[in-house]
Protein backbone atom coordinates (compact mmCIF):
# COMPACT_ATOMS: atom_id res chain seq x y z
CA MET A 1 4.24 21.39 1.23
CA ARG A 2 1.86 18.77 -0.65
CA MET A 3 -1.59 19.38 -0.05
CA TYR A 4 -4.12 16.19 -0.18
CA THR A 5 -7.87 15.79 -1.09
CA LEU A 6 -10.34 13.99 0.63
CA SER A 7 -10.10 11.03 -1.77
CA GLU A 8 -6.24 10.76 -1.32
CA ILE A 9 -6.43 11.04 2.34
CA SER A 10 -9.20 8.23 2.59
CA SER A 11 -7.18 6.07 0.65
CA LEU A 12 -3.94 6.87 2.64
CA LEU A 13 -5.58 5.88 5.74
CA THR A 14 -7.52 3.10 4.55
CA LYS A 15 -4.59 1.45 3.47
CA ALA A 16 -2.64 2.02 6.45
CA SER A 17 -5.16 1.03 8.58
CA HIS A 18 -6.05 -2.51 7.07
CA THR A 19 -8.92 -2.85 9.55
CA LYS A 20 -10.79 0.25 9.24
CA VAL A 21 -12.38 1.89 6.20
CA TYR A 22 -11.80 5.65 6.27
CA SER A 23 -14.39 7.72 3.73
CA MET A 24 -14.43 10.80 2.55
CA GLN A 25 -17.31 11.72 4.49
CA ARG A 26 -15.65 10.87 7.63
CA ILE A 27 -12.66 13.00 6.92
CA TRP A 28 -15.25 15.70 5.94
CA SER A 29 -16.98 15.58 9.38
CA TRP A 30 -13.05 16.16 10.70
CA CYS A 31 -13.01 19.45 8.92
CA GLN A 32 -16.47 20.22 10.13
CA ASN A 33 -16.61 18.95 13.61
CA GLU A 34 -12.92 18.20 15.01
CA GLY A 35 -10.72 21.11 13.57
CA LEU A 36 -9.26 19.69 10.62
CA ARG A 37 -8.38 22.99 8.72
CA TYR A 38 -9.00 22.75 4.81
CA GLU A 39 -8.81 25.05 1.73
CA THR A 40 -10.86 25.47 -1.13
CA ILE A 41 -9.06 24.44 -4.45
CA PRO A 42 -8.92 26.88 -6.68
CA LYS A 43 -11.42 26.59 -10.03
CA ALA A 44 -8.46 26.51 -12.25
CA VAL A 45 -7.29 23.46 -10.73
CA ARG A 46 -10.59 21.56 -9.66
CA GLY A 47 -11.40 18.19 -10.59
CA VAL A 48 -14.04 15.82 -9.98
CA ALA A 49 -14.29 15.78 -6.16
CA TYR A 50 -16.58 15.01 -3.52
CA LYS A 51 -16.04 18.43 -1.78
CA PRO A 52 -13.61 20.51 -3.70
CA ILE A 53 -10.92 21.64 -0.83
CA TRP A 54 -7.38 20.30 0.11
CA ILE A 55 -5.56 19.83 3.25
CA ARG A 56 -1.90 20.94 3.90
CA GLU A 57 0.15 18.03 4.51
CA ASP A 58 1.88 19.47 7.78
CA GLU A 59 -1.72 20.44 9.07
CA LEU A 60 -2.87 16.76 8.53
CA LYS A 61 0.25 15.20 10.09
CA ARG A 62 -0.71 17.10 13.10
CA PHE A 63 -4.35 16.47 13.32
CA LEU A 64 -3.67 12.63 13.02
CA GLN A 65 -1.16 12.77 15.53
CA VAL A 66 -3.72 14.44 17.99
CA LYS A 67 -6.23 11.67 17.00
CA GLY A 68 -3.62 8.95 17.86
CA LEU A 69 -2.92 7.61 14.57
CA ASP A 70 0.39 6.79 13.74
CA TYR A 71 1.06 9.53 10.84
CA GLU A 72 4.80 8.18 10.53
CA THR A 73 3.81 4.66 9.11
CA ILE A 74 0.85 6.38 6.99
CA PHE A 75 3.35 9.06 5.22
CA ALA A 76 6.28 6.58 5.06
CA ASP A 77 7.80 6.54 1.53
């Protein structure tokens, strides 16, 4: 299962929206206030990041579906 950083999620959602900008801070607020589950990135694989966390793809898709966003379009290859 793929893991996504806040930056990757922000980019995916913003590209898919065409009218809204989804900042890393907004995604982080979903984690803090709305129950989007995340994991701390191990020190061995950390890079430069706003917050050293990542989110499992299945958890992200579930959360986006609950929020009413079209996750199938967002994750289309």
